[in-house]
Amino acid sequence: MLQTERALRYLGLAARARALVIGTPLICTALSQGKGKAPALVLLATDASPNTKKRIADRTAFYGVALHSLPLSCAQLAHVIGKKEALVAAVGVTDQNLAAAIGAALSENN
């Protein structure tokens, strides 16, 4: 659990640095455009709908972007990134260094 907490702290830092793409439609658009704001890592909540999970998994596989599932609900993920009254199923991290740090922390957890 310690490594997951570390990853969540990095995710909060990415939110404060405005290095996130929030929401499934925006992530899909950013992945297809592939310019500077394309996510280097996509994080998915555990209680996201099956359609959202499939859509994100297909897009990340096609564009070669890492995908990790977090042990958080949509409400908890929204709270971590500072969205108080929302539900967020997926978050994309656009900063390469923060994405690498979050990915490493989540990989150590498994």
C-alpha atoms as a PDB file:
ATOM      1  CA  MET A   1       0.000   0.000   0.000  1.00  0.00           C
ATOM      2  CA  LEU A   2       2.950   2.308   0.586  1.00  0.00           C
ATOM      3  CA  GLN A   3       3.877   2.289  -3.105  1.00  0.00           C
ATOM      4  CA  THR A   4       0.276   3.058  -4.081  1.00  0.00           C
ATOM      5  CA  GLU A   5       0.301   6.022  -1.704  1.00  0.00           C
ATOM      6  CA  ARG A   6       3.525   7.228  -3.310  1.00  0.00           C
ATOM      7  CA  ALA A   7       1.913   6.970  -6.750  1.00  0.00           C
ATOM      8  CA  LEU A   8      -1.118   8.927  -5.510  1.00  0.00           C
ATOM      9  CA  ARG A   9       1.152  11.670  -4.170  1.00  0.00           C
ATOM     10  CA  TYR A  10       2.827  11.926  -7.558  1.00  0.00           C
ATOM     11  CA  LEU A  11      -0.620  12.056  -9.145  1.00  0.00           C
ATOM     12  CA  GLY A  12      -1.580  14.956  -6.875  1.00  0.00           C
ATOM     13  CA  LEU A  13       1.642  16.708  -7.858  1.00  0.00           C
ATOM     14  CA  ALA A  14       0.801  16.188 -11.528  1.00  0.00           C
ATOM     15  CA  ALA A  15      -2.626  17.732 -10.915  1.00  0.00           C
ATOM     16  CA  ARG A  16      -1.067  20.798  -9.319  1.00  0.00           C
ATOM     17  CA  ALA A  17       1.383  21.045 -12.239  1.00  0.00           C
ATOM     18  CA  ARG A  18      -1.540  20.837 -14.704  1.00  0.00           C
ATOM     19  CA  ALA A  19       0.053  17.794 -16.314  1.00  0.00           C
ATOM     20  CA  LEU A  20      -3.168  15.760 -16.480  1.00  0.00           C
ATOM     21  CA  VAL A  21      -5.802  14.999 -19.069  1.00  0.00           C
ATOM     22  CA  ILE A  22      -8.997  14.202 -17.174  1.00  0.00           C
ATOM     23  CA  GLY A  23     -11.853  12.113 -18.518  1.00  0.00           C
ATOM     24  CA  THR A  24     -12.279   9.441 -21.151  1.00  0.00           C
ATOM     25  CA  PRO A  25     -13.249  11.673 -24.120  1.00  0.00           C
ATOM     26  CA  LEU A  26     -10.349  14.071 -23.541  1.00  0.00           C
ATOM     27  CA  ILE A  27      -7.882  11.214 -23.129  1.00  0.00           C
ATOM     28  CA  CYS A  28      -9.034   9.593 -26.381  1.00  0.00           C
ATOM     29  CA  THR A  29      -8.734  12.912 -28.207  1.00  0.00           C
ATOM     30  CA  ALA A  30      -5.271  13.625 -26.763  1.00  0.00           C
ATOM     31  CA  LEU A  31      -4.062  10.138 -27.702  1.00  0.00           C
ATOM     32  CA  SER A  32      -5.265  10.452 -31.282  1.00  0.00           C
ATOM     33  CA  GLN A  33      -3.748  13.917 -31.760  1.00  0.00           C
ATOM     34  CA  GLY A  34      -0.418  12.753 -30.359  1.00  0.00           C
ATOM     35  CA  LYS A  35       1.105  16.224 -29.991  1.00  0.00           C
ATOM     36  CA  GLY A  36       2.692  17.681 -26.847  1.00  0.00           C
ATOM     37  CA  LYS A  37      -0.320  17.026 -24.608  1.00  0.00           C
ATOM     38  CA  ALA A  38      -0.537  13.305 -25.353  1.00  0.00           C
ATOM     39  CA  PRO A  39      -0.543  11.222 -22.157  1.00  0.00           C
ATOM     40  CA  ALA A  40       2.518   9.116 -21.404  1.00  0.00           C
ATOM     41  CA  LEU A  41       0.540   7.076 -18.849  1.00  0.00           C
ATOM     42  CA  VAL A  42      -3.181   6.460 -18.343  1.00  0.00           C
ATOM     43  CA  LEU A  43      -4.658   5.506 -14.971  1.00  0.00           C
ATOM     44  CA  LEU A  44      -8.060   3.840 -14.662  1.00  0.00           C
ATOM     45  CA  ALA A  45     -10.396   3.572 -11.662  1.00  0.00           C
ATOM     46  CA  THR A  46     -11.568   0.101 -10.651  1.00  0.00           C
ATOM     47  CA  ASP A  47     -15.276   0.899 -10.851  1.00  0.00           C
ATOM     48  CA  ALA A  48     -15.179   2.449 -14.326  1.00  0.00           C
ATOM     49  CA  SER A  49     -17.815   1.083 -16.671  1.00  0.00           C
ATOM     50  CA  PRO A  50     -16.900  -1.869 -18.891  1.00  0.00           C
ATOM     51  CA  ASN A  51     -17.332   0.342 -21.962  1.00  0.00           C
ATOM     52  CA  THR A  52     -14.894   2.907 -20.568  1.00  0.00           C
ATOM     53  CA  LYS A  53     -12.385   0.211 -19.646  1.00  0.00           C
ATOM     54  CA  LYS A  54     -12.530  -1.290 -23.139  1.00  0.00           C
ATOM     55  CA  ARG A  55     -12.348   2.090 -24.859  1.00  0.00           C
ATOM     56  CA  ILE A  56      -9.308   3.200 -22.842  1.00  0.00           C
ATOM     57  CA  ALA A  57      -7.584  -0.197 -23.109  1.00  0.00           C
ATOM     58  CA  ASP A  58      -8.035  -0.290 -26.897  1.00  0.00           C
ATOM     59  CA  ARG A  59      -6.764   3.275 -27.382  1.00  0.00           C
ATOM     60  CA  THR A  60      -3.731   2.877 -25.122  1.00  0.00           C
ATOM     61  CA  ALA A  61      -2.787  -0.410 -26.786  1.00  0.00           C
ATOM     62  CA  PHE A  62      -3.121   1.122 -30.260  1.00  0.00           C
ATOM     63  CA  TYR A  63      -1.016   4.195 -29.433  1.00  0.00           C
ATOM     64  CA  GLY A  64       1.492   2.325 -27.230  1.00  0.00           C
ATOM     65  CA  VAL A  65       0.754   4.139 -23.986  1.00  0.00           C
ATOM     66  CA  ALA A  66       1.081   2.448 -20.592  1.00  0.00           C
ATOM     67  CA  LEU A  67      -2.169   1.686 -18.752  1.00  0.00           C
ATOM     68  CA  HIS A  68      -2.471   0.996 -15.029  1.00  0.00           C
ATOM     69  CA  SER A  69      -5.539   0.247 -12.965  1.00  0.00           C
ATOM     70  CA  LEU A  70      -5.668   1.970  -9.594  1.00  0.00           C
ATOM     71  CA  PRO A  71      -7.253   0.412  -6.501  1.00  0.00           C
ATOM     72  CA  LEU A  72      -9.535   3.454  -6.228  1.00  0.00           C
ATOM     73  CA  SER A  73     -13.143   4.205  -7.066  1.00  0.00           C
ATOM     74  CA  CYS A  74     -14.064   7.009  -9.454  1.00  0.00           C
ATOM     75  CA  ALA A  75     -14.933   9.280  -6.518  1.00  0.00           C
ATOM     76  CA  GLN A  76     -11.609   8.572  -4.780  1.00  0.00           C
ATOM     77  CA  LEU A  77      -9.655   9.216  -7.982  1.00  0.00           C
ATOM     78  CA  ALA A  78     -11.492  12.522  -8.409  1.00  0.00           C
ATOM     79  CA  HIS A  79     -10.642  13.477  -4.836  1.00  0.00           C
ATOM     80  CA  VAL A  80      -6.928  12.701  -5.362  1.00  0.00           C
ATOM     81  CA  ILE A  81      -6.719  15.070  -8.329  1.00  0.00           C
ATOM     82  CA  GLY A  82      -8.747  17.810  -6.649  1.00  0.00           C
ATOM     83  CA  LYS A  83     -12.182  17.353  -8.204  1.00  0.00           C
ATOM     84  CA  LYS A  84     -14.446  17.429  -5.158  1.00  0.00           C
ATOM     85  CA  GLU A  85     -17.939  16.959  -6.603  1.00  0.00           C
ATOM     86  CA  ALA A  86     -17.143  14.781  -9.605  1.00  0.00           C
ATOM     87  CA  LEU A  87     -16.513  11.210 -10.682  1.00  0.00           C
ATOM     88  CA  VAL A  88     -13.401  10.575 -12.762  1.00  0.00           C
ATOM     89  CA  ALA A  89     -12.916   7.169 -14.366  1.00  0.00           C
ATOM     90  CA  ALA A  90      -9.633   7.817 -16.184  1.00  0.00           C
ATOM     91  CA  VAL A  91      -6.695  10.208 -15.943  1.00  0.00           C
ATOM     92  CA  GLY A  92      -3.823  10.675 -18.367  1.00  0.00           C
ATOM     93  CA  VAL A  93      -0.441  11.976 -17.176  1.00  0.00           C
ATOM     94  CA  THR A  94       1.239  14.164 -19.806  1.00  0.00           C
ATOM     95  CA  ASP A  95       4.559  14.879 -18.070  1.00  0.00           C
ATOM     96  CA  GLN A  96       7.094  12.178 -18.987  1.00  0.00           C
ATOM     97  CA  ASN A  97       8.988  12.294 -15.667  1.00  0.00           C
ATOM     98  CA  LEU A  98       5.880  12.169 -13.485  1.00  0.00           C
ATOM     99  CA  ALA A  99       4.461   9.379 -15.640  1.00  0.00           C
ATOM    100  CA  ALA A 100       7.678   7.382 -15.198  1.00  0.00           C
ATOM    101  CA  ALA A 101       7.633   7.938 -11.418  1.00  0.00           C
ATOM    102  CA  ILE A 102       3.976   6.916 -11.099  1.00  0.00           C
ATOM    103  CA  GLY A 103       4.487   3.888 -13.334  1.00  0.00           C
ATOM    104  CA  ALA A 104       7.525   2.793 -11.310  1.00  0.00           C
ATOM    105  CA  ALA A 105       5.660   3.178  -8.017  1.00  0.00           C
ATOM    106  CA  LEU A 106       2.715   1.155  -9.306  1.00  0.00           C
ATOM    107  CA  SER A 107       4.965  -1.534 -10.786  1.00  0.00           C
ATOM    108  CA  GLU A 108       6.776  -1.978  -7.460  1.00  0.00           C
ATOM    109  CA  ASN A 109       3.401  -2.479  -5.805  1.00  0.00           C
ATOM    110  CA  ASN A 110       2.602  -5.500  -7.995  1.00  0.00           C
END
